[in-house]
Amino acid sequence: MVYRKPGTLLPIEGDILRVIASNGQRGAHGFAVAKDLAGDGRAKALLSHGTLYKALDRLRTRGLLSAEWEEAEAAESAGRPRRKVYWVTSAGAKVLADAALVQPGFHAGESPA
């Protein structure tokens, strides 16, 4: 098993944080993140959706992302399953800023209360 220094991000984790951060207050669900990564040519690092969802869970567990299930009515009216929506937390925004992964002046989207 490969260990990494605490507090470091894998490249795919940095990409995921950037994609979600770019959506601001809207946040992003997993499939939208996967589409964005694939469209940007970063899909090579994303071996499967399982890899993506494991990374999302690691980022959420570390407090870099928050997540909430969307309202059931929204999914029902769209004729699809409910989606879990992710937002970059203030801790995630700090990690992004410290890693110089975003431009100055970035403000993380907050999850709706």
PDB file of N, CA and C in Angstrom:
ATOM      1  N   MET A   1       0.843  -1.179   0.000  1.00  0.00           N
ATOM      2  CA  MET A   1       0.000   0.000   0.000  1.00  0.00           C
ATOM      3  C   MET A   1       0.889   1.244   0.000  1.00  0.00           C
ATOM      4  N   VAL A   2       0.527   2.208  -0.806  1.00  0.00           N
ATOM      5  CA  VAL A   2       1.286   3.453  -0.893  1.00  0.00           C
ATOM      6  C   VAL A   2       0.672   4.464   0.068  1.00  0.00           C
ATOM      7  N   TYR A   3       1.517   5.058   0.890  1.00  0.00           N
ATOM      8  CA  TYR A   3       1.052   6.085   1.821  1.00  0.00           C
ATOM      9  C   TYR A   3       1.445   7.447   1.287  1.00  0.00           C
ATOM     10  N   ARG A   4       0.631   8.427   1.584  1.00  0.00           N
ATOM     11  CA  ARG A   4       0.970   9.786   1.176  1.00  0.00           C
ATOM     12  C   ARG A   4       0.992  10.681   2.402  1.00  0.00           C
ATOM     13  N   LYS A   5       1.709  11.769   2.271  1.00  0.00           N
ATOM     14  CA  LYS A   5       1.834  12.711   3.369  1.00  0.00           C
ATOM     15  C   LYS A   5       0.460  13.286   3.704  1.00  0.00           C
ATOM     16  N   PRO A   6       0.123  13.349   4.998  1.00  0.00           N
ATOM     17  CA  PRO A   6      -1.175  13.916   5.373  1.00  0.00           C
ATOM     18  C   PRO A   6      -1.349  15.326   4.805  1.00  0.00           C
ATOM     19  N   GLY A   7      -2.555  15.587   4.333  1.00  0.00           N
ATOM     20  CA  GLY A   7      -2.860  16.916   3.813  1.00  0.00           C
ATOM     21  C   GLY A   7      -2.547  17.109   2.343  1.00  0.00           C
ATOM     22  N   THR A   8      -1.936  16.117   1.704  1.00  0.00           N
ATOM     23  CA  THR A   8      -1.636  16.263   0.279  1.00  0.00           C
ATOM     24  C   THR A   8      -2.814  15.750  -0.551  1.00  0.00           C
ATOM     25  N   LEU A   9      -2.953  16.318  -1.718  1.00  0.00           N
ATOM     26  CA  LEU A   9      -4.005  15.908  -2.642  1.00  0.00           C
ATOM     27  C   LEU A   9      -3.418  15.083  -3.767  1.00  0.00           C
ATOM     28  N   LEU A  10      -4.144  14.063  -4.176  1.00  0.00           N
ATOM     29  CA  LEU A  10      -3.803  13.373  -5.413  1.00  0.00           C
ATOM     30  C   LEU A  10      -4.191  14.300  -6.561  1.00  0.00           C
ATOM     31  N   PRO A  11      -3.546  14.175  -7.710  1.00  0.00           N
ATOM     32  CA  PRO A  11      -3.912  15.047  -8.841  1.00  0.00           C
ATOM     33  C   PRO A  11      -5.405  15.001  -9.170  1.00  0.00           C
ATOM     34  N   ILE A  12      -6.002  13.806  -9.140  1.00  0.00           N
ATOM     35  CA  ILE A  12      -7.426  13.708  -9.458  1.00  0.00           C
ATOM     36  C   ILE A  12      -8.269  14.443  -8.416  1.00  0.00           C
ATOM     37  N   GLU A  13      -7.823  14.455  -7.152  1.00  0.00           N
ATOM     38  CA  GLU A  13      -8.565  15.165  -6.108  1.00  0.00           C
ATOM     39  C   GLU A  13      -8.522  16.676  -6.340  1.00  0.00           C
ATOM     40  N   GLY A  14      -7.373  17.182  -6.747  1.00  0.00           N
ATOM     41  CA  GLY A  14      -7.267  18.603  -7.079  1.00  0.00           C
ATOM     42  C   GLY A  14      -8.161  18.960  -8.249  1.00  0.00           C
ATOM     43  N   ASP A  15      -8.189  18.084  -9.263  1.00  0.00           N
ATOM     44  CA  ASP A  15      -9.061  18.316 -10.418  1.00  0.00           C
ATOM     45  C   ASP A  15     -10.530  18.332 -10.000  1.00  0.00           C
ATOM     46  N   ILE A  16     -10.910  17.390  -9.144  1.00  0.00           N
ATOM     47  CA  ILE A  16     -12.296  17.322  -8.679  1.00  0.00           C
ATOM     48  C   ILE A  16     -12.663  18.587  -7.910  1.00  0.00           C
ATOM     49  N   LEU A  17     -11.793  19.018  -7.008  1.00  0.00           N
ATOM     50  CA  LEU A  17     -12.062  20.241  -6.248  1.00  0.00           C
ATOM     51  C   LEU A  17     -12.224  21.439  -7.178  1.00  0.00           C
ATOM     52  N   ARG A  18     -11.352  21.544  -8.178  1.00  0.00           N
ATOM     53  CA  ARG A  18     -11.442  22.667  -9.119  1.00  0.00           C
ATOM     54  C   ARG A  18     -12.757  22.648  -9.883  1.00  0.00           C
ATOM     55  N   VAL A  19     -13.152  21.467 -10.358  1.00  0.00           N
ATOM     56  CA  VAL A  19     -14.398  21.360 -11.122  1.00  0.00           C
ATOM     57  C   VAL A  19     -15.588  21.784 -10.261  1.00  0.00           C
ATOM     58  N   ILE A  20     -15.650  21.274  -9.049  1.00  0.00           N
ATOM     59  CA  ILE A  20     -16.776  21.612  -8.174  1.00  0.00           C
ATOM     60  C   ILE A  20     -16.730  23.088  -7.797  1.00  0.00           C
ATOM     61  N   ALA A  21     -15.544  23.602  -7.518  1.00  0.00           N
ATOM     62  CA  ALA A  21     -15.403  25.021  -7.169  1.00  0.00           C
ATOM     63  C   ALA A  21     -15.875  25.917  -8.307  1.00  0.00           C
ATOM     64  N   SER A  22     -15.649  25.496  -9.538  1.00  0.00           N
ATOM     65  CA  SER A  22     -16.039  26.325 -10.684  1.00  0.00           C
ATOM     66  C   SER A  22     -17.557  26.473 -10.793  1.00  0.00           C
ATOM     67  N   ASN A  23     -18.300  25.594 -10.131  1.00  0.00           N
ATOM     68  CA  ASN A  23     -19.765  25.676 -10.140  1.00  0.00           C
ATOM     69  C   ASN A  23     -20.313  26.563  -9.036  1.00  0.00           C
ATOM     70  N   GLY A  24     -19.449  27.060  -8.165  1.00  0.00           N
ATOM     71  CA  GLY A  24     -19.869  27.981  -7.115  1.00  0.00           C
ATOM     72  C   GLY A  24     -20.998  27.442  -6.268  1.00  0.00           C
ATOM     73  N   GLN A  25     -22.014  28.258  -6.058  1.00  0.00           N
ATOM     74  CA  GLN A  25     -23.112  27.902  -5.161  1.00  0.00           C
ATOM     75  C   GLN A  25     -24.012  26.803  -5.705  1.00  0.00           C
ATOM     76  N   ARG A  26     -23.945  26.551  -7.002  1.00  0.00           N
ATOM     77  CA  ARG A  26     -24.756  25.465  -7.569  1.00  0.00           C
ATOM     78  C   ARG A  26     -24.228  24.112  -7.150  1.00  0.00           C
ATOM     79  N   GLY A  27     -22.921  24.025  -6.868  1.00  0.00           N
ATOM     80  CA  GLY A  27     -22.318  22.740  -6.567  1.00  0.00           C
ATOM     81  C   GLY A  27     -22.283  21.869  -7.809  1.00  0.00           C
ATOM     82  N   ALA A  28     -21.977  20.609  -7.628  1.00  0.00           N
ATOM     83  CA  ALA A  28     -21.925  19.679  -8.757  1.00  0.00           C
ATOM     84  C   ALA A  28     -22.174  18.267  -8.256  1.00  0.00           C
ATOM     85  N   HIS A  29     -22.851  17.484  -9.062  1.00  0.00           N
ATOM     86  CA  HIS A  29     -23.051  16.075  -8.729  1.00  0.00           C
ATOM     87  C   HIS A  29     -21.976  15.258  -9.437  1.00  0.00           C
ATOM     88  N   GLY A  30     -21.805  14.018  -9.014  1.00  0.00           N
ATOM     89  CA  GLY A  30     -20.720  13.182  -9.510  1.00  0.00           C
ATOM     90  C   GLY A  30     -20.665  13.039 -11.020  1.00  0.00           C
ATOM     91  N   PHE A  31     -21.809  12.800 -11.660  1.00  0.00           N
ATOM     92  CA  PHE A  31     -21.800  12.615 -13.107  1.00  0.00           C
ATOM     93  C   PHE A  31     -21.356  13.882 -13.829  1.00  0.00           C
ATOM     94  N   ALA A  32     -21.773  15.047 -13.323  1.00  0.00           N
ATOM     95  CA  ALA A  32     -21.345  16.312 -13.931  1.00  0.00           C
ATOM     96  C   ALA A  32     -19.834  16.490 -13.791  1.00  0.00           C
ATOM     97  N   VAL A  33     -19.291  16.093 -12.644  1.00  0.00           N
ATOM     98  CA  VAL A  33     -17.838  16.168 -12.448  1.00  0.00           C
ATOM     99  C   VAL A  33     -17.144  15.247 -13.449  1.00  0.00           C
ATOM    100  N   ALA A  34     -17.654  14.030 -13.601  1.00  0.00           N
ATOM    101  CA  ALA A  34     -17.059  13.076 -14.544  1.00  0.00           C
ATOM    102  C   ALA A  34     -17.092  13.617 -15.969  1.00  0.00           C
ATOM    103  N   LYS A  35     -18.219  14.215 -16.375  1.00  0.00           N
ATOM    104  CA  LYS A  35     -18.325  14.786 -17.722  1.00  0.00           C
ATOM    105  C   LYS A  35     -17.326  15.911 -17.916  1.00  0.00           C
ATOM    106  N   ASP A  36     -17.187  16.762 -16.919  1.00  0.00           N
ATOM    107  CA  ASP A  36     -16.251  17.880 -17.013  1.00  0.00           C
ATOM    108  C   ASP A  36     -14.818  17.365 -17.130  1.00  0.00           C
ATOM    109  N   LEU A  37     -14.468  16.387 -16.317  1.00  0.00           N
ATOM    110  CA  LEU A  37     -13.116  15.825 -16.378  1.00  0.00           C
ATOM    111  C   LEU A  37     -12.860  15.164 -17.731  1.00  0.00           C
ATOM    112  N   ALA A  38     -13.848  14.448 -18.244  1.00  0.00           N
ATOM    113  CA  ALA A  38     -13.692  13.784 -19.539  1.00  0.00           C
ATOM    114  C   ALA A  38     -13.561  14.803 -20.659  1.00  0.00           C
ATOM    115  N   GLY A  39     -14.338  15.871 -20.594  1.00  0.00           N
ATOM    116  CA  GLY A  39     -14.299  16.906 -21.620  1.00  0.00           C
ATOM    117  C   GLY A  39     -13.019  17.706 -21.599  1.00  0.00           C
ATOM    118  N   ASP A  40     -12.352  17.695 -20.464  1.00  0.00           N
ATOM    119  CA  ASP A  40     -11.117  18.450 -20.298  1.00  0.00           C
ATOM    120  C   ASP A  40      -9.882  17.588 -20.553  1.00  0.00           C
ATOM    121  N   GLY A  41     -10.094  16.328 -20.932  1.00  0.00           N
ATOM    122  CA  GLY A  41      -8.968  15.450 -21.201  1.00  0.00           C
ATOM    123  C   GLY A  41      -8.327  14.867 -19.955  1.00  0.00           C
ATOM    124  N   ARG A  42      -8.934  15.074 -18.798  1.00  0.00           N
ATOM    125  CA  ARG A  42      -8.360  14.540 -17.565  1.00  0.00           C
ATOM    126  C   ARG A  42      -8.936  13.178 -17.219  1.00  0.00           C
ATOM    127  N   ALA A  43      -9.736  12.602 -18.097  1.00  0.00           N
ATOM    128  CA  ALA A  43     -10.401  11.336 -17.808  1.00  0.00           C
ATOM    129  C   ALA A  43      -9.421  10.181 -17.698  1.00  0.00           C
ATOM    130  N   LYS A  44      -8.228  10.316 -18.251  1.00  0.00           N
ATOM    131  CA  LYS A  44      -7.258   9.230 -18.157  1.00  0.00           C
ATOM    132  C   LYS A  44      -6.956   8.893 -16.708  1.00  0.00           C
ATOM    133  N   ALA A  45      -6.956   9.905 -15.850  1.00  0.00           N
ATOM    134  CA  ALA A  45      -6.711   9.674 -14.431  1.00  0.00           C
ATOM    135  C   ALA A  45      -7.941   9.094 -13.747  1.00  0.00           C
ATOM    136  N   LEU A  46      -9.072   9.194 -14.396  1.00  0.00           N
ATOM    137  CA  LEU A  46     -10.327   8.711 -13.833  1.00  0.00           C
ATOM    138  C   LEU A  46     -10.617   7.348 -14.450  1.00  0.00           C
ATOM    139  N   LEU A  47     -10.153   6.306 -13.787  1.00  0.00           N
ATOM    140  CA  LEU A  47     -10.240   4.976 -14.361  1.00  0.00           C
ATOM    141  C   LEU A  47     -11.666   4.439 -14.408  1.00  0.00           C
ATOM    142  N   SER A  48     -12.471   4.840 -13.447  1.00  0.00           N
ATOM    143  CA  SER A  48     -13.859   4.393 -13.417  1.00  0.00           C
ATOM    144  C   SER A  48     -14.655   5.357 -12.556  1.00  0.00           C
ATOM    145  N   HIS A  49     -15.969   5.241 -12.643  1.00  0.00           N
ATOM    146  CA  HIS A  49     -16.796   6.085 -11.777  1.00  0.00           C
ATOM    147  C   HIS A  49     -16.555   5.728 -10.322  1.00  0.00           C
ATOM    148  N   GLY A  50     -16.188   4.451 -10.050  1.00  0.00           N
ATOM    149  CA  GLY A  50     -15.857   4.062  -8.685  1.00  0.00           C
ATOM    150  C   GLY A  50     -14.693   4.864  -8.153  1.00  0.00           C
ATOM    151  N   THR A  51     -13.716   5.134  -9.004  1.00  0.00           N
ATOM    152  CA  THR A  51     -12.576   5.957  -8.609  1.00  0.00           C
ATOM    153  C   THR A  51     -13.045   7.357  -8.248  1.00  0.00           C
ATOM    154  N   LEU A  52     -13.924   7.916  -9.046  1.00  0.00           N
ATOM    155  CA  LEU A  52     -14.446   9.258  -8.794  1.00  0.00           C
ATOM    156  C   LEU A  52     -15.186   9.312  -7.466  1.00  0.00           C
ATOM    157  N   TYR A  53     -16.091   8.376  -7.246  1.00  0.00           N
ATOM    158  CA  TYR A  53     -16.906   8.428  -6.035  1.00  0.00           C
ATOM    159  C   TYR A  53     -16.085   8.138  -4.783  1.00  0.00           C
ATOM    160  N   LYS A  54     -15.058   7.321  -4.895  1.00  0.00           N
ATOM    161  CA  LYS A  54     -14.153   7.115  -3.756  1.00  0.00           C
ATOM    162  C   LYS A  54     -13.400   8.404  -3.450  1.00  0.00           C
ATOM    163  N   ALA A  55     -12.960   9.098  -4.485  1.00  0.00           N
ATOM    164  CA  ALA A  55     -12.249  10.371  -4.286  1.00  0.00           C
ATOM    165  C   ALA A  55     -13.188  11.417  -3.690  1.00  0.00           C
ATOM    166  N   LEU A  56     -14.427  11.485  -4.175  1.00  0.00           N
ATOM    167  CA  LEU A  56     -15.404  12.423  -3.609  1.00  0.00           C
ATOM    168  C   LEU A  56     -15.613  12.134  -2.122  1.00  0.00           C
ATOM    169  N   ASP A  57     -15.710  10.853  -1.775  1.00  0.00           N
ATOM    170  CA  ASP A  57     -15.915  10.497  -0.372  1.00  0.00           C
ATOM    171  C   ASP A  57     -14.690  10.852   0.475  1.00  0.00           C
ATOM    172  N   ARG A  58     -13.487  10.627  -0.061  1.00  0.00           N
ATOM    173  CA  ARG A  58     -12.268  11.013   0.679  1.00  0.00           C
ATOM    174  C   ARG A  58     -12.250  12.515   0.928  1.00  0.00           C
ATOM    175  N   LEU A  59     -12.587  13.295  -0.087  1.00  0.00           N
ATOM    176  CA  LEU A  59     -12.592  14.753   0.053  1.00  0.00           C
ATOM    177  C   LEU A  59     -13.657  15.209   1.046  1.00  0.00           C
ATOM    178  N   ARG A  60     -14.805  14.543   1.037  1.00  0.00           N
ATOM    179  CA  ARG A  60     -15.867  14.883   1.984  1.00  0.00           C
ATOM    180  C   ARG A  60     -15.449  14.502   3.404  1.00  0.00           C
ATOM    181  N   THR A  61     -14.859  13.337   3.565  1.00  0.00           N
ATOM    182  CA  THR A  61     -14.405  12.884   4.878  1.00  0.00           C
ATOM    183  C   THR A  61     -13.346  13.821   5.452  1.00  0.00           C
ATOM    184  N   ARG A  62     -12.498  14.360   4.600  1.00  0.00           N
ATOM    185  CA  ARG A  62     -11.456  15.298   5.044  1.00  0.00           C
ATOM    186  C   ARG A  62     -12.012  16.699   5.300  1.00  0.00           C
ATOM    187  N   GLY A  63     -13.285  16.918   5.009  1.00  0.00           N
ATOM    188  CA  GLY A  63     -13.894  18.220   5.252  1.00  0.00           C
ATOM    189  C   GLY A  63     -13.658  19.222   4.143  1.00  0.00           C
ATOM    190  N   LEU A  64     -13.190  18.756   2.980  1.00  0.00           N
ATOM    191  CA  LEU A  64     -12.926  19.655   1.863  1.00  0.00           C
ATOM    192  C   LEU A  64     -14.155  19.850   0.985  1.00  0.00           C
ATOM    193  N   LEU A  65     -15.092  18.925   1.092  1.00  0.00           N
ATOM    194  CA  LEU A  65     -16.367  19.017   0.379  1.00  0.00           C
ATOM    195  C   LEU A  65     -17.497  18.798   1.370  1.00  0.00           C
ATOM    196  N   SER A  66     -18.629  19.412   1.098  1.00  0.00           N
ATOM    197  CA  SER A  66     -19.864  19.068   1.800  1.00  0.00           C
ATOM    198  C   SER A  66     -20.787  18.467   0.746  1.00  0.00           C
ATOM    199  N   ALA A  67     -21.771  17.708   1.189  1.00  0.00           N
ATOM    200  CA  ALA A  67     -22.665  17.053   0.235  1.00  0.00           C
ATOM    201  C   ALA A  67     -24.066  16.950   0.813  1.00  0.00           C
ATOM    202  N   GLU A  68     -25.046  17.065  -0.064  1.00  0.00           N
ATOM    203  CA  GLU A  68     -26.457  16.889   0.301  1.00  0.00           C
ATOM    204  C   GLU A  68     -27.174  16.252  -0.878  1.00  0.00           C
ATOM    205  N   TRP A  69     -28.158  15.422  -0.556  1.00  0.00           N
ATOM    206  CA  TRP A  69     -29.007  14.887  -1.607  1.00  0.00           C
ATOM    207  C   TRP A  69     -29.952  15.988  -2.069  1.00  0.00           C
ATOM    208  N   GLU A  70     -30.170  16.063  -3.373  1.00  0.00           N
ATOM    209  CA  GLU A  70     -31.111  17.055  -3.888  1.00  0.00           C
ATOM    210  C   GLU A  70     -32.526  16.681  -3.457  1.00  0.00           C
ATOM    211  N   GLU A  71     -33.417  17.637  -3.567  1.00  0.00           N
ATOM    212  CA  GLU A  71     -34.814  17.405  -3.202  1.00  0.00           C
ATOM    213  C   GLU A  71     -35.411  16.317  -4.095  1.00  0.00           C
ATOM    214  N   ALA A  72     -36.182  15.432  -3.491  1.00  0.00           N
ATOM    215  CA  ALA A  72     -36.799  14.333  -4.235  1.00  0.00           C
ATOM    216  C   ALA A  72     -37.702  14.846  -5.351  1.00  0.00           C
ATOM    217  N   GLU A  73     -38.386  15.960  -5.096  1.00  0.00           N
ATOM    218  CA  GLU A  73     -39.304  16.507  -6.095  1.00  0.00           C
ATOM    219  C   GLU A  73     -38.562  16.952  -7.354  1.00  0.00           C
ATOM    220  N   ALA A  74     -37.369  17.497  -7.185  1.00  0.00           N
ATOM    221  CA  ALA A  74     -36.583  17.949  -8.343  1.00  0.00           C
ATOM    222  C   ALA A  74     -36.206  16.766  -9.222  1.00  0.00           C
ATOM    223  N   ALA A  75     -35.786  15.682  -8.597  1.00  0.00           N
ATOM    224  CA  ALA A  75     -35.412  14.494  -9.362  1.00  0.00           C
ATOM    225  C   ALA A  75     -36.636  13.869 -10.020  1.00  0.00           C
ATOM    226  N   GLU A  76     -37.720  13.804  -9.271  1.00  0.00           N
ATOM    227  CA  GLU A  76     -38.941  13.201  -9.803  1.00  0.00           C
ATOM    228  C   GLU A  76     -39.467  13.978 -11.002  1.00  0.00           C
ATOM    229  N   SER A  77     -39.465  15.303 -10.904  1.00  0.00           N
ATOM    230  CA  SER A  77     -39.970  16.105 -12.023  1.00  0.00           C
ATOM    231  C   SER A  77     -39.064  16.001 -13.248  1.00  0.00           C
ATOM    232  N   ALA A  78     -37.785  15.701 -13.034  1.00  0.00           N
ATOM    233  CA  ALA A  78     -36.855  15.521 -14.151  1.00  0.00           C
ATOM    234  C   ALA A  78     -36.842  14.074 -14.640  1.00  0.00           C
ATOM    235  N   GLY A  79     -37.541  13.187 -13.927  1.00  0.00           N
ATOM    236  CA  GLY A  79     -37.622  11.789 -14.342  1.00  0.00           C
ATOM    237  C   GLY A  79     -36.316  11.033 -14.188  1.00  0.00           C
ATOM    238  N   ARG A  80     -35.599  11.288 -13.104  1.00  0.00           N
ATOM    239  CA  ARG A  80     -34.316  10.615 -12.873  1.00  0.00           C
ATOM    240  C   ARG A  80     -34.132  10.382 -11.380  1.00  0.00           C
ATOM    241  N   PRO A  81     -33.149   9.563 -11.017  1.00  0.00           N
ATOM    242  CA  PRO A  81     -32.863   9.357  -9.590  1.00  0.00           C
ATOM    243  C   PRO A  81     -32.321  10.636  -8.946  1.00  0.00           C
ATOM    244  N   ARG A  82     -32.425  10.703  -7.627  1.00  0.00           N
ATOM    245  CA  ARG A  82     -31.861  11.842  -6.888  1.00  0.00           C
ATOM    246  C   ARG A  82     -30.348  11.848  -7.049  1.00  0.00           C
ATOM    247  N   ARG A  83     -29.785  13.045  -7.018  1.00  0.00           N
ATOM    248  CA  ARG A  83     -28.335  13.211  -7.131  1.00  0.00           C
ATOM    249  C   ARG A  83     -27.789  13.767  -5.823  1.00  0.00           C
ATOM    250  N   LYS A  84     -26.573  13.354  -5.488  1.00  0.00           N
ATOM    251  CA  LYS A  84     -25.882  13.950  -4.351  1.00  0.00           C
ATOM    252  C   LYS A  84     -25.077  15.117  -4.909  1.00  0.00           C
ATOM    253  N   VAL A  85     -25.304  16.296  -4.354  1.00  0.00           N
ATOM    254  CA  VAL A  85     -24.636  17.506  -4.831  1.00  0.00           C
ATOM    255  C   VAL A  85     -23.521  17.859  -3.850  1.00  0.00           C
ATOM    256  N   TYR A  86     -22.359  18.191  -4.401  1.00  0.00           N
ATOM    257  CA  TYR A  86     -21.167  18.508  -3.611  1.00  0.00           C
ATOM    258  C   TYR A  86     -20.819  19.984  -3.755  1.00  0.00           C
ATOM    259  N   TRP A  87     -20.323  20.575  -2.661  1.00  0.00           N
ATOM    260  CA  TRP A  87     -19.821  21.945  -2.644  1.00  0.00           C
ATOM    261  C   TRP A  87     -18.448  21.952  -2.002  1.00  0.00           C
ATOM    262  N   VAL A  88     -17.601  22.865  -2.425  1.00  0.00           N
ATOM    263  CA  VAL A  88     -16.294  23.043  -1.797  1.00  0.00           C
ATOM    264  C   VAL A  88     -16.509  23.823  -0.503  1.00  0.00           C
ATOM    265  N   THR A  89     -15.973  23.302   0.595  1.00  0.00           N
ATOM    266  CA  THR A  89     -16.073  23.987   1.887  1.00  0.00           C
ATOM    267  C   THR A  89     -14.992  25.062   1.978  1.00  0.00           C
ATOM    268  N   SER A  90     -15.040  25.843   3.043  1.00  0.00           N
ATOM    269  CA  SER A  90     -13.989  26.851   3.228  1.00  0.00           C
ATOM    270  C   SER A  90     -12.631  26.176   3.400  1.00  0.00           C
ATOM    271  N   ALA A  91     -12.601  25.002   4.049  1.00  0.00           N
ATOM    272  CA  ALA A  91     -11.337  24.262   4.177  1.00  0.00           C
ATOM    273  C   ALA A  91     -10.849  23.810   2.798  1.00  0.00           C
ATOM    274  N   GLY A  92     -11.778  23.383   1.941  1.00  0.00           N
ATOM    275  CA  GLY A  92     -11.412  22.989   0.582  1.00  0.00           C
ATOM    276  C   GLY A  92     -10.893  24.158  -0.226  1.00  0.00           C
ATOM    277  N   ALA A  93     -11.522  25.324  -0.044  1.00  0.00           N
ATOM    278  CA  ALA A  93     -11.069  26.527  -0.750  1.00  0.00           C
ATOM    279  C   ALA A  93      -9.662  26.908  -0.304  1.00  0.00           C
ATOM    280  N   LYS A  94      -9.382  26.726   0.992  1.00  0.00           N
ATOM    281  CA  LYS A  94      -8.041  27.032   1.496  1.00  0.00           C
ATOM    282  C   LYS A  94      -7.014  26.085   0.886  1.00  0.00           C
ATOM    283  N   VAL A  95      -7.353  24.808   0.812  1.00  0.00           N
ATOM    284  CA  VAL A  95      -6.440  23.839   0.198  1.00  0.00           C
ATOM    285  C   VAL A  95      -6.181  24.210  -1.255  1.00  0.00           C
ATOM    286  N   LEU A  96      -7.236  24.585  -1.972  1.00  0.00           N
ATOM    287  CA  LEU A  96      -7.071  24.995  -3.368  1.00  0.00           C
ATOM    288  C   LEU A  96      -6.179  26.224  -3.478  1.00  0.00           C
ATOM    289  N   ALA A  97      -6.424  27.197  -2.625  1.00  0.00           N
ATOM    290  CA  ALA A  97      -5.621  28.424  -2.667  1.00  0.00           C
ATOM    291  C   ALA A  97      -4.170  28.125  -2.308  1.00  0.00           C
ATOM    292  N   ASP A  98      -3.967  27.304  -1.275  1.00  0.00           N
ATOM    293  CA  ASP A  98      -2.609  26.955  -0.859  1.00  0.00           C
ATOM    294  C   ASP A  98      -1.864  26.199  -1.953  1.00  0.00           C
ATOM    295  N   ALA A  99      -2.601  25.399  -2.697  1.00  0.00           N
ATOM    296  CA  ALA A  99      -1.986  24.620  -3.771  1.00  0.00           C
ATOM    297  C   ALA A  99      -1.921  25.403  -5.074  1.00  0.00           C
ATOM    298  N   ALA A 100      -2.377  26.650  -5.041  1.00  0.00           N
ATOM    299  CA  ALA A 100      -2.389  27.521  -6.225  1.00  0.00           C
ATOM    300  C   ALA A 100      -3.140  26.859  -7.375  1.00  0.00           C
ATOM    301  N   LEU A 101      -4.245  26.191  -7.036  1.00  0.00           N
ATOM    302  CA  LEU A 101      -5.049  25.522  -8.049  1.00  0.00           C
ATOM    303  C   LEU A 101      -6.168  26.402  -8.578  1.00  0.00           C
ATOM    304  N   VAL A 102      -6.410  27.527  -7.916  1.00  0.00           N
ATOM    305  CA  VAL A 102      -7.438  28.455  -8.387  1.00  0.00           C
ATOM    306  C   VAL A 102      -6.848  29.842  -8.452  1.00  0.00           C
ATOM    307  N   GLN A 103      -7.547  30.723  -9.099  1.00  0.00           N
ATOM    308  CA  GLN A 103      -7.093  32.096  -9.238  1.00  0.00           C
ATOM    309  C   GLN A 103      -7.400  32.881  -7.968  1.00  0.00           C
ATOM    310  N   PRO A 104      -6.631  33.916  -7.663  1.00  0.00           N
ATOM    311  CA  PRO A 104      -6.926  34.747  -6.494  1.00  0.00           C
ATOM    312  C   PRO A 104      -8.335  35.324  -6.590  1.00  0.00           C
ATOM    313  N   GLY A 105      -8.960  35.488  -5.449  1.00  0.00           N
ATOM    314  CA  GLY A 105     -10.308  36.040  -5.425  1.00  0.00           C
ATOM    315  C   GLY A 105     -11.392  34.992  -5.490  1.00  0.00           C
ATOM    316  N   PHE A 106     -11.022  33.707  -5.540  1.00  0.00           N
ATOM    317  CA  PHE A 106     -12.010  32.638  -5.573  1.00  0.00           C
ATOM    318  C   PHE A 106     -12.746  32.580  -4.244  1.00  0.00           C
ATOM    319  N   HIS A 107     -14.055  32.385  -4.310  1.00  0.00           N
ATOM    320  CA  HIS A 107     -14.859  32.191  -3.104  1.00  0.00           C
ATOM    321  C   HIS A 107     -15.618  30.890  -3.266  1.00  0.00           C
ATOM    322  N   ALA A 108     -15.439  29.985  -2.331  1.00  0.00           N
ATOM    323  CA  ALA A 108     -16.094  28.676  -2.415  1.00  0.00           C
ATOM    324  C   ALA A 108     -17.599  28.822  -2.335  1.00  0.00           C
ATOM    325  N   GLY A 109     -18.298  27.969  -3.061  1.00  0.00           N
ATOM    326  CA  GLY A 109     -19.747  27.918  -2.940  1.00  0.00           C
ATOM    327  C   GLY A 109     -20.112  27.277  -1.618  1.00  0.00           C
ATOM    328  N   GLU A 110     -21.097  27.813  -0.975  1.00  0.00           N
ATOM    329  CA  GLU A 110     -21.571  27.255   0.286  1.00  0.00           C
ATOM    330  C   GLU A 110     -22.799  26.413  -0.012  1.00  0.00           C
ATOM    331  N   SER A 111     -22.962  25.334   0.733  1.00  0.00           N
ATOM    332  CA  SER A 111     -24.161  24.538   0.521  1.00  0.00           C
ATOM    333  C   SER A 111     -25.359  25.318   1.046  1.00  0.00           C
ATOM    334  N   PRO A 112     -26.496  25.187   0.384  1.00  0.00           N
ATOM    335  CA  PRO A 112     -27.674  25.912   0.839  1.00  0.00           C
ATOM    336  C   PRO A 112     -28.109  25.415   2.208  1.00  0.00           C
ATOM    337  N   ALA A 113     -28.594  26.308   3.032  1.00  0.00           N
ATOM    338  CA  ALA A 113     -29.002  25.935   4.400  1.00  0.00           C
ATOM    339  C   ALA A 113     -30.375  25.335   4.429  1.00  0.00           C
TER     340      ALA A 113
END
